[in-house]
Amino acid sequence: MKHNHNAFENQIFNHFREKVKALNDAMELLIEHNYKIIDLENQIIDKHNIKNIEKRFSFDYKRTPKRTYEKTQTIQEQSGQESKTND
């Protein structure tokens, strides 16, 4: 019996399937060792919800904003101010 070749059965898609399988295996290994994973949708994946997507919950990760720093003076600017005060 001849196999019907589908458009999605080629080397490119096989490559992506292998990568996804490797990622899933790595996630399972980490979770097996009690790590928690935060995916790209900010969902926490742990041993309680790795198989059930509905049990995953999202959270807002609020980072501390960067502080702005004042511009420091260069050596040339400092020496220019010193010469003005000396005059």
N, C-alpha and C. Protein backbone atom coordinates (compact mmCIF):
# COMPACT_ATOMS: atom_id res chain seq x y z
N MET A 1 0.84 -1.18 0.00
CA MET A 1 0.00 0.00 0.00
C MET A 1 0.89 1.24 0.00
N LYS A 2 0.59 2.16 -0.88
CA LYS A 2 1.39 3.37 -1.02
C LYS A 2 0.98 4.40 0.03
N HIS A 3 1.99 5.06 0.60
CA HIS A 3 1.75 6.10 1.61
C HIS A 3 1.40 7.41 0.92
N ASN A 4 0.32 8.04 1.31
CA ASN A 4 -0.05 9.35 0.77
C ASN A 4 0.76 10.41 1.48
N HIS A 5 1.55 11.15 0.73
CA HIS A 5 2.41 12.18 1.30
C HIS A 5 1.60 13.46 1.50
N ASN A 6 1.57 13.94 2.74
CA ASN A 6 0.88 15.19 3.04
C ASN A 6 1.86 16.35 2.96
N ALA A 7 1.33 17.53 2.76
CA ALA A 7 2.18 18.72 2.62
C ALA A 7 2.92 19.04 3.91
N PHE A 8 2.38 18.69 5.06
CA PHE A 8 3.02 19.03 6.33
C PHE A 8 4.00 17.94 6.79
N GLU A 9 4.20 16.91 6.01
CA GLU A 9 5.16 15.87 6.34
C GLU A 9 6.42 16.07 5.51
N ASN A 10 7.27 16.95 5.97
CA ASN A 10 8.54 17.13 5.28
C ASN A 10 9.63 17.39 6.30
N GLN A 11 10.85 17.61 5.85
CA GLN A 11 11.99 17.74 6.75
C GLN A 11 11.90 18.99 7.62
N ILE A 12 11.37 20.08 7.10
CA ILE A 12 11.29 21.31 7.88
C ILE A 12 10.37 21.12 9.08
N PHE A 13 9.18 20.60 8.84
CA PHE A 13 8.25 20.40 9.95
C PHE A 13 8.75 19.32 10.89
N ASN A 14 9.44 18.33 10.37
CA ASN A 14 10.03 17.30 11.22
C ASN A 14 11.07 17.92 12.14
N HIS A 15 11.85 18.87 11.63
CA HIS A 15 12.84 19.56 12.44
C HIS A 15 12.17 20.30 13.60
N PHE A 16 11.07 21.01 13.33
CA PHE A 16 10.36 21.73 14.37
C PHE A 16 9.73 20.78 15.38
N ARG A 17 9.19 19.66 14.90
CA ARG A 17 8.63 18.67 15.82
C ARG A 17 9.70 18.12 16.75
N GLU A 18 10.90 17.88 16.23
CA GLU A 18 12.00 17.39 17.07
C GLU A 18 12.42 18.43 18.10
N LYS A 19 12.46 19.71 17.69
CA LYS A 19 12.81 20.78 18.63
C LYS A 19 11.77 20.91 19.74
N VAL A 20 10.49 20.84 19.38
CA VAL A 20 9.43 20.94 20.37
C VAL A 20 9.50 19.76 21.34
N LYS A 21 9.79 18.58 20.82
CA LYS A 21 9.91 17.41 21.68
C LYS A 21 11.08 17.59 22.65
N ALA A 22 12.20 18.12 22.16
CA ALA A 22 13.36 18.35 23.03
C ALA A 22 13.04 19.39 24.11
N LEU A 23 12.32 20.44 23.75
CA LEU A 23 11.92 21.45 24.73
C LEU A 23 10.98 20.86 25.78
N ASN A 24 10.02 20.08 25.34
CA ASN A 24 9.10 19.45 26.29
C ASN A 24 9.81 18.49 27.22
N ASP A 25 10.77 17.73 26.69
CA ASP A 25 11.56 16.82 27.53
C ASP A 25 12.37 17.59 28.56
N ALA A 26 12.94 18.73 28.15
CA ALA A 26 13.72 19.56 29.07
C ALA A 26 12.82 20.14 30.16
N MET A 27 11.63 20.58 29.78
CA MET A 27 10.69 21.11 30.78
C MET A 27 10.31 20.04 31.79
N GLU A 28 10.02 18.85 31.31
CA GLU A 28 9.65 17.76 32.21
C GLU A 28 10.79 17.40 33.14
N LEU A 29 12.02 17.44 32.64
CA LEU A 29 13.18 17.15 33.49
C LEU A 29 13.34 18.20 34.58
N LEU A 30 13.19 19.48 34.22
CA LEU A 30 13.29 20.54 35.22
C LEU A 30 12.18 20.42 36.27
N ILE A 31 10.97 20.17 35.83
CA ILE A 31 9.86 20.06 36.76
C ILE A 31 10.01 18.83 37.64
N GLU A 32 10.58 17.78 37.10
CA GLU A 32 10.83 16.58 37.89
C GLU A 32 11.78 16.87 39.06
N HIS A 33 12.65 17.85 38.88
CA HIS A 33 13.60 18.26 39.92
C HIS A 33 13.12 19.50 40.68
N ASN A 34 11.80 19.70 40.70
CA ASN A 34 11.11 20.74 41.49
C ASN A 34 11.43 22.17 41.06
N TYR A 35 11.72 22.38 39.79
CA TYR A 35 11.84 23.73 39.26
C TYR A 35 10.47 24.20 38.80
N LYS A 36 10.29 25.50 38.74
CA LYS A 36 9.09 26.10 38.16
C LYS A 36 9.52 26.84 36.91
N ILE A 37 8.67 26.83 35.91
CA ILE A 37 8.99 27.44 34.62
C ILE A 37 7.98 28.55 34.36
N ILE A 38 8.47 29.68 33.89
CA ILE A 38 7.60 30.77 33.45
C ILE A 38 7.70 30.82 31.93
N ASP A 39 6.59 30.57 31.26
CA ASP A 39 6.63 30.54 29.80
C ASP A 39 6.50 31.95 29.23
N LEU A 40 6.45 32.05 27.92
CA LEU A 40 6.41 33.35 27.26
C LEU A 40 5.11 34.11 27.48
N GLU A 41 4.08 33.43 27.96
CA GLU A 41 2.80 34.07 28.26
C GLU A 41 2.67 34.37 29.74
N ASN A 42 3.79 34.35 30.48
CA ASN A 42 3.84 34.59 31.92
C ASN A 42 2.98 33.61 32.71
N GLN A 43 2.91 32.39 32.25
CA GLN A 43 2.20 31.35 32.98
C GLN A 43 3.22 30.50 33.74
N ILE A 44 2.90 30.18 34.97
CA ILE A 44 3.78 29.36 35.78
C ILE A 44 3.44 27.89 35.53
N ILE A 45 4.45 27.12 35.19
CA ILE A 45 4.29 25.70 34.95
C ILE A 45 5.06 24.97 36.04
N ASP A 46 4.37 24.09 36.76
CA ASP A 46 5.02 23.29 37.79
C ASP A 46 4.46 21.87 37.74
N LYS A 47 4.80 21.07 38.75
CA LYS A 47 4.40 19.66 38.71
C LYS A 47 2.89 19.47 38.83
N HIS A 48 2.17 20.46 39.28
CA HIS A 48 0.72 20.33 39.43
C HIS A 48 -0.04 20.63 38.15
N ASN A 49 0.56 21.37 37.24
CA ASN A 49 -0.20 21.78 36.05
C ASN A 49 0.54 21.56 34.74
N ILE A 50 1.54 20.70 34.72
CA ILE A 50 2.28 20.51 33.47
C ILE A 50 1.42 19.85 32.39
N LYS A 51 0.52 18.97 32.79
CA LYS A 51 -0.32 18.28 31.81
C LYS A 51 -1.64 19.00 31.53
N ASN A 52 -2.11 19.82 32.47
CA ASN A 52 -3.41 20.47 32.34
C ASN A 52 -3.22 21.98 32.13
N ILE A 53 -3.48 22.43 30.94
CA ILE A 53 -3.27 23.84 30.60
C ILE A 53 -4.25 24.75 31.34
N GLU A 54 -5.46 24.28 31.63
CA GLU A 54 -6.45 25.11 32.31
C GLU A 54 -6.05 25.45 33.74
N LYS A 55 -5.21 24.65 34.36
CA LYS A 55 -4.79 24.90 35.74
C LYS A 55 -3.68 25.95 35.83
N ARG A 56 -3.10 26.30 34.71
CA ARG A 56 -2.01 27.29 34.72
C ARG A 56 -2.59 28.68 34.93
N PHE A 57 -1.85 29.49 35.65
CA PHE A 57 -2.32 30.85 35.88
C PHE A 57 -1.23 31.84 35.47
N SER A 58 -1.67 32.99 35.04
CA SER A 58 -0.76 34.05 34.61
C SER A 58 -0.57 35.05 35.73
N PHE A 59 0.48 35.80 35.65
CA PHE A 59 0.71 36.85 36.63
C PHE A 59 1.39 38.02 35.92
N ASP A 60 1.30 39.17 36.54
CA ASP A 60 1.96 40.36 36.00
C ASP A 60 3.31 40.49 36.68
N TYR A 61 4.34 40.51 35.89
CA TYR A 61 5.69 40.66 36.40
C TYR A 61 6.04 42.13 36.30
N LYS A 62 6.04 42.80 37.44
CA LYS A 62 6.29 44.24 37.45
C LYS A 62 7.74 44.47 37.83
N ARG A 63 8.47 44.97 36.90
CA ARG A 63 9.88 45.25 37.15
C ARG A 63 10.03 46.63 37.75
N THR A 64 11.08 46.81 38.48
CA THR A 64 11.40 48.12 39.02
C THR A 64 11.92 48.97 37.87
N PRO A 65 11.37 50.15 37.69
CA PRO A 65 11.83 50.98 36.57
C PRO A 65 13.28 51.41 36.77
N LYS A 66 13.95 51.60 35.67
CA LYS A 66 15.34 52.04 35.74
C LYS A 66 15.40 53.47 36.25
N ARG A 67 16.41 53.73 37.06
CA ARG A 67 16.60 55.09 37.54
C ARG A 67 17.37 55.88 36.50
N THR A 68 17.02 57.12 36.37
CA THR A 68 17.76 57.98 35.46
C THR A 68 18.90 58.63 36.24
N TYR A 69 20.02 58.70 35.64
CA TYR A 69 21.20 59.28 36.26
C TYR A 69 21.50 60.62 35.61
N GLU A 70 21.99 61.53 36.42
CA GLU A 70 22.38 62.82 35.86
C GLU A 70 23.69 62.65 35.11
N LYS A 71 23.85 63.47 34.12
CA LYS A 71 25.08 63.40 33.33
C LYS A 71 26.24 63.88 34.20
N THR A 72 27.27 63.09 34.20
CA THR A 72 28.45 63.50 34.96
C THR A 72 29.32 64.38 34.09
N GLN A 73 30.07 65.21 34.73
CA GLN A 73 30.94 66.12 33.99
C GLN A 73 32.20 65.39 33.54
N THR A 74 32.66 65.75 32.37
CA THR A 74 33.92 65.19 31.88
C THR A 74 35.08 65.94 32.50
N ILE A 75 36.25 65.41 32.36
CA ILE A 75 37.45 66.04 32.93
C ILE A 75 37.66 67.41 32.30
N GLN A 76 37.39 67.54 31.00
CA GLN A 76 37.57 68.83 30.33
C GLN A 76 36.60 69.87 30.89
N GLU A 77 35.35 69.46 31.14
CA GLU A 77 34.38 70.40 31.69
C GLU A 77 34.77 70.81 33.10
N GLN A 78 35.29 69.87 33.89
CA GLN A 78 35.71 70.19 35.24
C GLN A 78 36.89 71.16 35.24
N SER A 79 37.84 70.90 34.36
CA SER A 79 39.00 71.78 34.32
C SER A 79 38.60 73.16 33.79
N GLY A 80 37.61 73.25 32.91
CA GLY A 80 37.14 74.53 32.42
C GLY A 80 36.46 75.34 33.52
N GLN A 81 35.74 74.69 34.40
CA GLN A 81 35.08 75.38 35.51
C GLN A 81 36.11 75.83 36.53
N GLU A 82 37.15 75.03 36.77
CA GLU A 82 38.18 75.40 37.73
C GLU A 82 38.94 76.63 37.24
N SER A 83 39.21 76.71 35.94
CA SER A 83 39.94 77.86 35.43
C SER A 83 39.10 79.13 35.50
N LYS A 84 37.78 78.99 35.35
CA LYS A 84 36.90 80.16 35.47
C LYS A 84 36.85 80.66 36.90
N THR A 85 36.87 79.74 37.86
CA THR A 85 36.82 80.17 39.27
C THR A 85 38.15 80.76 39.69
N ASN A 86 39.25 80.34 39.08
CA ASN A 86 40.56 80.87 39.43
C ASN A 86 40.78 82.26 38.83
N ASP A 87 40.05 82.62 37.79
CA ASP A 87 40.25 83.92 37.14
C ASP A 87 39.68 85.03 37.94
